[in-house]
Amino acid sequence: MSTEETRAVIAEFDRLMRAWDVDGLAALFAEEVDWEIPGDTATVPWIGKRATRAEVRAFYAEDVPKYLTPDRFAVDATLVDGALAVRTGDLRSQVQATGKWIETRFVQEFTVRDGKITRYLMHEDSWLVAQAVKP
């Protein structure tokens, strides 16, 4: 993938996120994907690993609406080099079960091959997220 092609896929990811187009988001991922939000999966049920497009779709269609009320997702910078894109930003979401807020910086890593996202890794303050889930 060229840098321009990767930029176009990430721009489409952003557009679909803003519209919360779950089917469009899912279609942007490869059928088999290396997708992860690391953290305490025993405490935070929506994070962890996904390996298929269907699992990624379930994250956006089922997990996020069930557990979170997103409030802000702001990207500061996106750096792209060939198939790799890395971005920084901050987010704010409310945990529905506790009413607590998650406010954290993040770094996302994407790998794009043949117009599809094949790898996605989201780094955030996983301790803070786990604390917001606990009553």
N, C-alpha and C. Protein backbone atom coordinates (compact mmCIF):
# COMPACT_ATOMS: atom_id res chain seq x y z
N MET A 1 0.84 -1.19 0.00
CA MET A 1 0.00 0.00 0.00
C MET A 1 0.88 1.25 0.00
N SER A 2 0.45 2.21 -0.75
CA SER A 2 1.15 3.48 -0.73
C SER A 2 0.65 4.31 0.45
N THR A 3 1.44 5.29 0.81
CA THR A 3 1.05 6.19 1.89
C THR A 3 -0.29 6.85 1.58
N GLU A 4 -0.51 7.26 0.32
CA GLU A 4 -1.75 7.91 -0.07
C GLU A 4 -2.95 6.96 0.07
N GLU A 5 -2.78 5.71 -0.31
CA GLU A 5 -3.86 4.73 -0.19
C GLU A 5 -4.21 4.47 1.29
N THR A 6 -3.19 4.38 2.12
CA THR A 6 -3.42 4.18 3.55
C THR A 6 -4.15 5.40 4.13
N ARG A 7 -3.72 6.60 3.76
CA ARG A 7 -4.39 7.81 4.22
C ARG A 7 -5.87 7.80 3.83
N ALA A 8 -6.17 7.34 2.62
CA ALA A 8 -7.56 7.30 2.15
C ALA A 8 -8.39 6.33 2.98
N VAL A 9 -7.83 5.18 3.33
CA VAL A 9 -8.55 4.21 4.16
C VAL A 9 -8.80 4.79 5.55
N ILE A 10 -7.81 5.44 6.13
CA ILE A 10 -7.97 6.03 7.47
C ILE A 10 -8.98 7.17 7.42
N ALA A 11 -8.98 7.97 6.36
CA ALA A 11 -9.97 9.03 6.22
C ALA A 11 -11.38 8.44 6.13
N GLU A 12 -11.52 7.33 5.43
CA GLU A 12 -12.82 6.66 5.34
C GLU A 12 -13.23 6.10 6.70
N PHE A 13 -12.27 5.54 7.45
CA PHE A 13 -12.54 5.06 8.80
C PHE A 13 -13.10 6.21 9.65
N ASP A 14 -12.48 7.38 9.56
CA ASP A 14 -12.95 8.54 10.33
C ASP A 14 -14.36 8.95 9.92
N ARG A 15 -14.62 8.98 8.62
CA ARG A 15 -15.94 9.36 8.12
C ARG A 15 -17.00 8.39 8.64
N LEU A 16 -16.70 7.10 8.57
CA LEU A 16 -17.65 6.08 9.02
C LEU A 16 -17.85 6.13 10.54
N MET A 17 -16.79 6.44 11.29
CA MET A 17 -16.92 6.59 12.74
C MET A 17 -17.83 7.77 13.07
N ARG A 18 -17.64 8.90 12.40
CA ARG A 18 -18.48 10.07 12.67
C ARG A 18 -19.95 9.76 12.38
N ALA A 19 -20.21 8.98 11.35
CA ALA A 19 -21.59 8.62 10.98
C ALA A 19 -22.09 7.42 11.79
N TRP A 20 -21.22 6.79 12.52
CA TRP A 20 -21.48 5.54 13.24
C TRP A 20 -22.14 4.52 12.31
N ASP A 21 -21.49 4.34 11.15
CA ASP A 21 -21.92 3.39 10.13
C ASP A 21 -21.25 2.05 10.43
N VAL A 22 -21.92 1.23 11.21
CA VAL A 22 -21.34 -0.03 11.70
C VAL A 22 -21.01 -0.97 10.54
N ASP A 23 -21.91 -1.09 9.59
CA ASP A 23 -21.65 -1.98 8.45
C ASP A 23 -20.50 -1.47 7.60
N GLY A 24 -20.46 -0.16 7.41
CA GLY A 24 -19.35 0.42 6.66
C GLY A 24 -18.02 0.23 7.37
N LEU A 25 -18.02 0.44 8.68
CA LEU A 25 -16.80 0.21 9.46
C LEU A 25 -16.33 -1.23 9.33
N ALA A 26 -17.26 -2.16 9.52
CA ALA A 26 -16.90 -3.57 9.44
C ALA A 26 -16.31 -3.90 8.07
N ALA A 27 -16.91 -3.37 7.01
CA ALA A 27 -16.45 -3.66 5.65
C ALA A 27 -15.05 -3.12 5.40
N LEU A 28 -14.62 -2.16 6.18
CA LEU A 28 -13.29 -1.58 6.01
C LEU A 28 -12.19 -2.50 6.54
N PHE A 29 -12.57 -3.48 7.36
CA PHE A 29 -11.60 -4.42 7.93
C PHE A 29 -11.50 -5.67 7.07
N ALA A 30 -10.32 -6.28 7.05
CA ALA A 30 -10.12 -7.54 6.34
C ALA A 30 -10.96 -8.63 7.01
N GLU A 31 -11.24 -9.66 6.27
CA GLU A 31 -12.02 -10.78 6.81
C GLU A 31 -11.34 -11.38 8.04
N GLU A 32 -10.02 -11.52 7.99
CA GLU A 32 -9.23 -11.94 9.15
C GLU A 32 -8.39 -10.73 9.56
N VAL A 33 -8.45 -10.37 10.84
CA VAL A 33 -7.80 -9.15 11.29
C VAL A 33 -7.13 -9.39 12.65
N ASP A 34 -6.06 -8.66 12.89
CA ASP A 34 -5.38 -8.65 14.18
C ASP A 34 -5.82 -7.36 14.87
N TRP A 35 -6.83 -7.45 15.72
CA TRP A 35 -7.48 -6.28 16.33
C TRP A 35 -7.39 -6.42 17.84
N GLU A 36 -6.93 -5.36 18.52
CA GLU A 36 -6.80 -5.47 19.98
C GLU A 36 -6.88 -4.12 20.66
N ILE A 37 -7.59 -4.12 21.80
CA ILE A 37 -7.53 -3.04 22.77
C ILE A 37 -7.06 -3.72 24.06
N PRO A 38 -5.77 -3.62 24.41
CA PRO A 38 -5.25 -4.31 25.59
C PRO A 38 -5.84 -3.77 26.88
N GLY A 39 -5.89 -4.63 27.88
CA GLY A 39 -6.34 -4.22 29.20
C GLY A 39 -6.90 -5.38 29.99
N ASP A 40 -7.56 -5.06 31.07
CA ASP A 40 -8.12 -6.04 32.01
C ASP A 40 -9.46 -6.56 31.47
N THR A 41 -9.40 -7.59 30.64
CA THR A 41 -10.61 -8.11 29.99
C THR A 41 -11.58 -8.76 30.99
N ALA A 42 -11.10 -9.14 32.16
CA ALA A 42 -12.01 -9.70 33.18
C ALA A 42 -12.90 -8.61 33.76
N THR A 43 -12.42 -7.37 33.76
CA THR A 43 -13.18 -6.24 34.31
C THR A 43 -13.89 -5.45 33.22
N VAL A 44 -13.24 -5.30 32.09
CA VAL A 44 -13.74 -4.45 31.00
C VAL A 44 -14.17 -5.36 29.84
N PRO A 45 -15.46 -5.64 29.72
CA PRO A 45 -15.91 -6.67 28.77
C PRO A 45 -15.79 -6.30 27.30
N TRP A 46 -15.64 -5.05 26.94
CA TRP A 46 -15.62 -4.68 25.53
C TRP A 46 -14.22 -4.64 24.93
N ILE A 47 -13.18 -4.76 25.75
CA ILE A 47 -11.82 -4.70 25.20
C ILE A 47 -11.31 -6.11 24.91
N GLY A 48 -10.08 -6.21 24.47
CA GLY A 48 -9.48 -7.51 24.18
C GLY A 48 -9.19 -7.66 22.70
N LYS A 49 -9.08 -8.91 22.30
CA LYS A 49 -8.70 -9.24 20.92
C LYS A 49 -9.91 -9.62 20.09
N ARG A 50 -9.83 -9.33 18.80
CA ARG A 50 -10.79 -9.78 17.81
C ARG A 50 -9.98 -10.34 16.65
N ALA A 51 -10.53 -11.33 15.97
CA ALA A 51 -9.77 -11.95 14.88
C ALA A 51 -10.50 -11.95 13.54
N THR A 52 -11.77 -11.56 13.54
CA THR A 52 -12.54 -11.57 12.29
C THR A 52 -13.31 -10.27 12.11
N ARG A 53 -13.69 -10.02 10.87
CA ARG A 53 -14.52 -8.85 10.57
C ARG A 53 -15.81 -8.89 11.37
N ALA A 54 -16.42 -10.06 11.50
CA ALA A 54 -17.68 -10.19 12.25
C ALA A 54 -17.48 -9.80 13.71
N GLU A 55 -16.36 -10.16 14.30
CA GLU A 55 -16.09 -9.79 15.69
C GLU A 55 -15.88 -8.28 15.82
N VAL A 56 -15.22 -7.68 14.85
CA VAL A 56 -15.04 -6.22 14.86
C VAL A 56 -16.39 -5.54 14.72
N ARG A 57 -17.24 -6.04 13.83
CA ARG A 57 -18.58 -5.48 13.67
C ARG A 57 -19.36 -5.57 14.99
N ALA A 58 -19.26 -6.70 15.68
CA ALA A 58 -19.96 -6.87 16.96
C ALA A 58 -19.47 -5.84 17.98
N PHE A 59 -18.19 -5.50 17.95
CA PHE A 59 -17.67 -4.47 18.85
C PHE A 59 -18.42 -3.16 18.65
N TYR A 60 -18.52 -2.72 17.40
CA TYR A 60 -19.18 -1.45 17.10
C TYR A 60 -20.70 -1.53 17.24
N ALA A 61 -21.30 -2.63 16.84
CA ALA A 61 -22.76 -2.75 16.82
C ALA A 61 -23.35 -3.14 18.16
N GLU A 62 -22.62 -3.93 18.95
CA GLU A 62 -23.17 -4.48 20.19
C GLU A 62 -22.44 -3.98 21.44
N ASP A 63 -21.12 -4.12 21.46
CA ASP A 63 -20.37 -3.80 22.69
C ASP A 63 -20.40 -2.32 23.04
N VAL A 64 -20.05 -1.46 22.10
CA VAL A 64 -20.02 -0.03 22.42
C VAL A 64 -21.40 0.45 22.86
N PRO A 65 -22.49 0.18 22.11
CA PRO A 65 -23.81 0.67 22.57
C PRO A 65 -24.27 0.05 23.89
N LYS A 66 -23.85 -1.16 24.17
CA LYS A 66 -24.26 -1.83 25.41
C LYS A 66 -23.55 -1.26 26.64
N TYR A 67 -22.27 -0.91 26.49
CA TYR A 67 -21.46 -0.53 27.65
C TYR A 67 -21.11 0.95 27.76
N LEU A 68 -21.10 1.66 26.65
CA LEU A 68 -20.57 3.03 26.64
C LEU A 68 -21.53 4.02 25.99
N THR A 69 -21.42 5.26 26.43
CA THR A 69 -22.03 6.37 25.72
C THR A 69 -20.89 7.28 25.29
N PRO A 70 -20.46 7.18 24.02
CA PRO A 70 -19.36 8.01 23.56
C PRO A 70 -19.75 9.49 23.57
N ASP A 71 -18.79 10.32 23.95
CA ASP A 71 -19.02 11.76 24.02
C ASP A 71 -18.06 12.52 23.11
N ARG A 72 -16.78 12.13 23.10
CA ARG A 72 -15.78 12.82 22.29
C ARG A 72 -14.73 11.82 21.82
N PHE A 73 -14.33 11.98 20.58
CA PHE A 73 -13.23 11.21 20.02
C PHE A 73 -12.50 12.16 19.09
N ALA A 74 -11.38 12.70 19.54
CA ALA A 74 -10.67 13.72 18.79
C ALA A 74 -9.27 13.25 18.44
N VAL A 75 -8.93 13.33 17.17
CA VAL A 75 -7.61 12.95 16.68
C VAL A 75 -6.76 14.21 16.56
N ASP A 76 -5.57 14.17 17.16
CA ASP A 76 -4.63 15.29 17.08
C ASP A 76 -3.75 15.21 15.84
N ALA A 77 -3.21 14.01 15.59
CA ALA A 77 -2.26 13.85 14.49
C ALA A 77 -2.34 12.43 13.96
N THR A 78 -2.12 12.31 12.66
CA THR A 78 -2.04 11.00 12.02
C THR A 78 -0.76 10.97 11.21
N LEU A 79 0.06 9.98 11.47
CA LEU A 79 1.32 9.79 10.75
C LEU A 79 1.19 8.53 9.91
N VAL A 80 1.52 8.64 8.64
CA VAL A 80 1.36 7.50 7.73
C VAL A 80 2.67 7.27 7.00
N ASP A 81 3.08 5.99 6.94
CA ASP A 81 4.26 5.59 6.21
C ASP A 81 3.94 4.27 5.53
N GLY A 82 3.65 4.30 4.25
CA GLY A 82 3.28 3.09 3.54
C GLY A 82 2.00 2.50 4.09
N ALA A 83 2.06 1.24 4.51
CA ALA A 83 0.88 0.54 5.02
C ALA A 83 0.57 0.85 6.47
N LEU A 84 1.46 1.56 7.17
CA LEU A 84 1.30 1.82 8.60
C LEU A 84 0.77 3.24 8.84
N ALA A 85 -0.23 3.33 9.71
CA ALA A 85 -0.73 4.63 10.17
C ALA A 85 -0.76 4.61 11.69
N VAL A 86 -0.28 5.70 12.30
CA VAL A 86 -0.29 5.85 13.75
C VAL A 86 -0.90 7.21 14.03
N ARG A 87 -1.81 7.24 15.01
CA ARG A 87 -2.45 8.50 15.35
C ARG A 87 -2.56 8.67 16.84
N THR A 88 -2.63 9.93 17.23
CA THR A 88 -2.81 10.28 18.64
C THR A 88 -4.09 11.09 18.79
N GLY A 89 -4.63 11.05 20.00
CA GLY A 89 -5.82 11.84 20.27
C GLY A 89 -6.31 11.65 21.68
N ASP A 90 -7.55 12.07 21.91
CA ASP A 90 -8.16 11.87 23.22
C ASP A 90 -9.62 11.51 23.03
N LEU A 91 -10.16 10.83 24.04
CA LEU A 91 -11.55 10.42 23.98
C LEU A 91 -12.21 10.61 25.33
N ARG A 92 -13.52 10.65 25.29
CA ARG A 92 -14.33 10.75 26.50
C ARG A 92 -15.60 9.94 26.26
N SER A 93 -15.85 8.99 27.16
CA SER A 93 -17.05 8.15 27.09
C SER A 93 -17.56 7.94 28.51
N GLN A 94 -18.86 7.70 28.62
CA GLN A 94 -19.45 7.39 29.92
C GLN A 94 -19.78 5.91 29.96
N VAL A 95 -19.38 5.26 31.06
CA VAL A 95 -19.71 3.85 31.27
C VAL A 95 -21.16 3.79 31.74
N GLN A 96 -22.00 3.09 31.01
CA GLN A 96 -23.42 3.07 31.31
C GLN A 96 -23.73 2.44 32.66
N ALA A 97 -23.03 1.39 33.03
CA ALA A 97 -23.33 0.68 34.28
C ALA A 97 -22.99 1.48 35.53
N THR A 98 -21.96 2.34 35.44
CA THR A 98 -21.51 3.07 36.63
C THR A 98 -21.77 4.57 36.55
N GLY A 99 -21.97 5.09 35.37
CA GLY A 99 -22.11 6.53 35.20
C GLY A 99 -20.78 7.26 35.23
N LYS A 100 -19.68 6.54 35.42
CA LYS A 100 -18.35 7.16 35.48
C LYS A 100 -17.86 7.49 34.07
N TRP A 101 -17.01 8.51 34.03
CA TRP A 101 -16.45 8.96 32.76
C TRP A 101 -15.06 8.38 32.53
N ILE A 102 -14.81 8.03 31.31
CA ILE A 102 -13.47 7.66 30.85
C ILE A 102 -12.98 8.84 30.02
N GLU A 103 -11.90 9.45 30.47
CA GLU A 103 -11.24 10.51 29.71
C GLU A 103 -9.78 10.12 29.60
N THR A 104 -9.32 9.83 28.39
CA THR A 104 -7.97 9.32 28.23
C THR A 104 -7.38 9.73 26.89
N ARG A 105 -6.09 9.84 26.87
CA ARG A 105 -5.34 9.98 25.62
C ARG A 105 -5.30 8.60 24.98
N PHE A 106 -5.08 8.56 23.68
CA PHE A 106 -4.94 7.28 23.00
C PHE A 106 -3.92 7.37 21.87
N VAL A 107 -3.44 6.21 21.49
CA VAL A 107 -2.64 6.04 20.28
C VAL A 107 -3.25 4.84 19.56
N GLN A 108 -3.52 5.01 18.28
CA GLN A 108 -4.03 3.92 17.46
C GLN A 108 -2.99 3.56 16.42
N GLU A 109 -2.84 2.26 16.18
CA GLU A 109 -1.97 1.78 15.11
C GLU A 109 -2.83 1.01 14.12
N PHE A 110 -2.67 1.31 12.84
CA PHE A 110 -3.37 0.61 11.77
C PHE A 110 -2.35 0.07 10.78
N THR A 111 -2.61 -1.12 10.26
CA THR A 111 -1.91 -1.61 9.08
C THR A 111 -2.96 -1.84 8.01
N VAL A 112 -2.70 -1.32 6.82
CA VAL A 112 -3.65 -1.41 5.71
C VAL A 112 -3.00 -2.18 4.58
N ARG A 113 -3.70 -3.20 4.10
CA ARG A 113 -3.24 -4.01 2.97
C ARG A 113 -4.41 -4.20 2.00
N ASP A 114 -4.16 -3.97 0.74
CA ASP A 114 -5.19 -4.15 -0.30
C ASP A 114 -6.48 -3.42 0.04
N GLY A 115 -6.36 -2.22 0.59
CA GLY A 115 -7.52 -1.39 0.86
C GLY A 115 -8.31 -1.77 2.11
N LYS A 116 -7.81 -2.72 2.90
CA LYS A 116 -8.50 -3.16 4.12
C LYS A 116 -7.57 -3.02 5.31
N ILE A 117 -8.16 -2.75 6.47
CA ILE A 117 -7.40 -2.70 7.72
C ILE A 117 -7.16 -4.14 8.16
N THR A 118 -5.90 -4.53 8.25
CA THR A 118 -5.55 -5.90 8.64
C THR A 118 -5.06 -5.99 10.09
N ARG A 119 -4.67 -4.84 10.63
CA ARG A 119 -4.21 -4.80 12.02
C ARG A 119 -4.67 -3.49 12.64
N TYR A 120 -5.20 -3.59 13.86
CA TYR A 120 -5.66 -2.42 14.61
C TYR A 120 -5.28 -2.63 16.06
N LEU A 121 -4.59 -1.65 16.62
CA LEU A 121 -4.19 -1.71 18.03
C LEU A 121 -4.47 -0.36 18.65
N MET A 122 -5.25 -0.36 19.73
CA MET A 122 -5.63 0.87 20.43
C MET A 122 -4.96 0.88 21.80
N HIS A 123 -4.10 1.85 22.02
CA HIS A 123 -3.46 2.04 23.33
C HIS A 123 -4.21 3.15 24.05
N GLU A 124 -4.61 2.89 25.28
CA GLU A 124 -5.28 3.90 26.11
C GLU A 124 -4.89 3.63 27.56
N ASP A 125 -5.35 4.45 28.46
CA ASP A 125 -5.06 4.26 29.88
C ASP A 125 -5.96 3.14 30.40
N SER A 126 -5.51 1.91 30.28
CA SER A 126 -6.34 0.76 30.62
C SER A 126 -6.66 0.69 32.12
N TRP A 127 -5.78 1.20 32.96
CA TRP A 127 -6.08 1.24 34.39
C TRP A 127 -7.27 2.16 34.65
N LEU A 128 -7.25 3.34 34.05
CA LEU A 128 -8.33 4.30 34.21
C LEU A 128 -9.65 3.71 33.69
N VAL A 129 -9.61 3.03 32.55
CA VAL A 129 -10.81 2.42 31.99
C VAL A 129 -11.37 1.39 32.97
N ALA A 130 -10.52 0.53 33.52
CA ALA A 130 -10.97 -0.49 34.46
C ALA A 130 -11.57 0.15 35.72
N GLN A 131 -10.98 1.24 36.18
CA GLN A 131 -11.52 1.92 37.36
C GLN A 131 -12.91 2.50 37.10
N ALA A 132 -13.15 2.95 35.89
CA ALA A 132 -14.46 3.51 35.55
C ALA A 132 -15.55 2.43 35.47
N VAL A 133 -15.14 1.20 35.23
CA VAL A 133 -16.11 0.09 35.14
C VAL A 133 -16.48 -0.41 36.53
N LYS A 134 -15.55 -0.32 37.46
CA LYS A 134 -15.79 -0.82 38.82
C LYS A 134 -16.79 0.07 39.56
N PRO A 135 -17.74 -0.54 40.29
CA PRO A 135 -18.72 0.27 41.04
C PRO A 135 -18.06 1.09 42.14
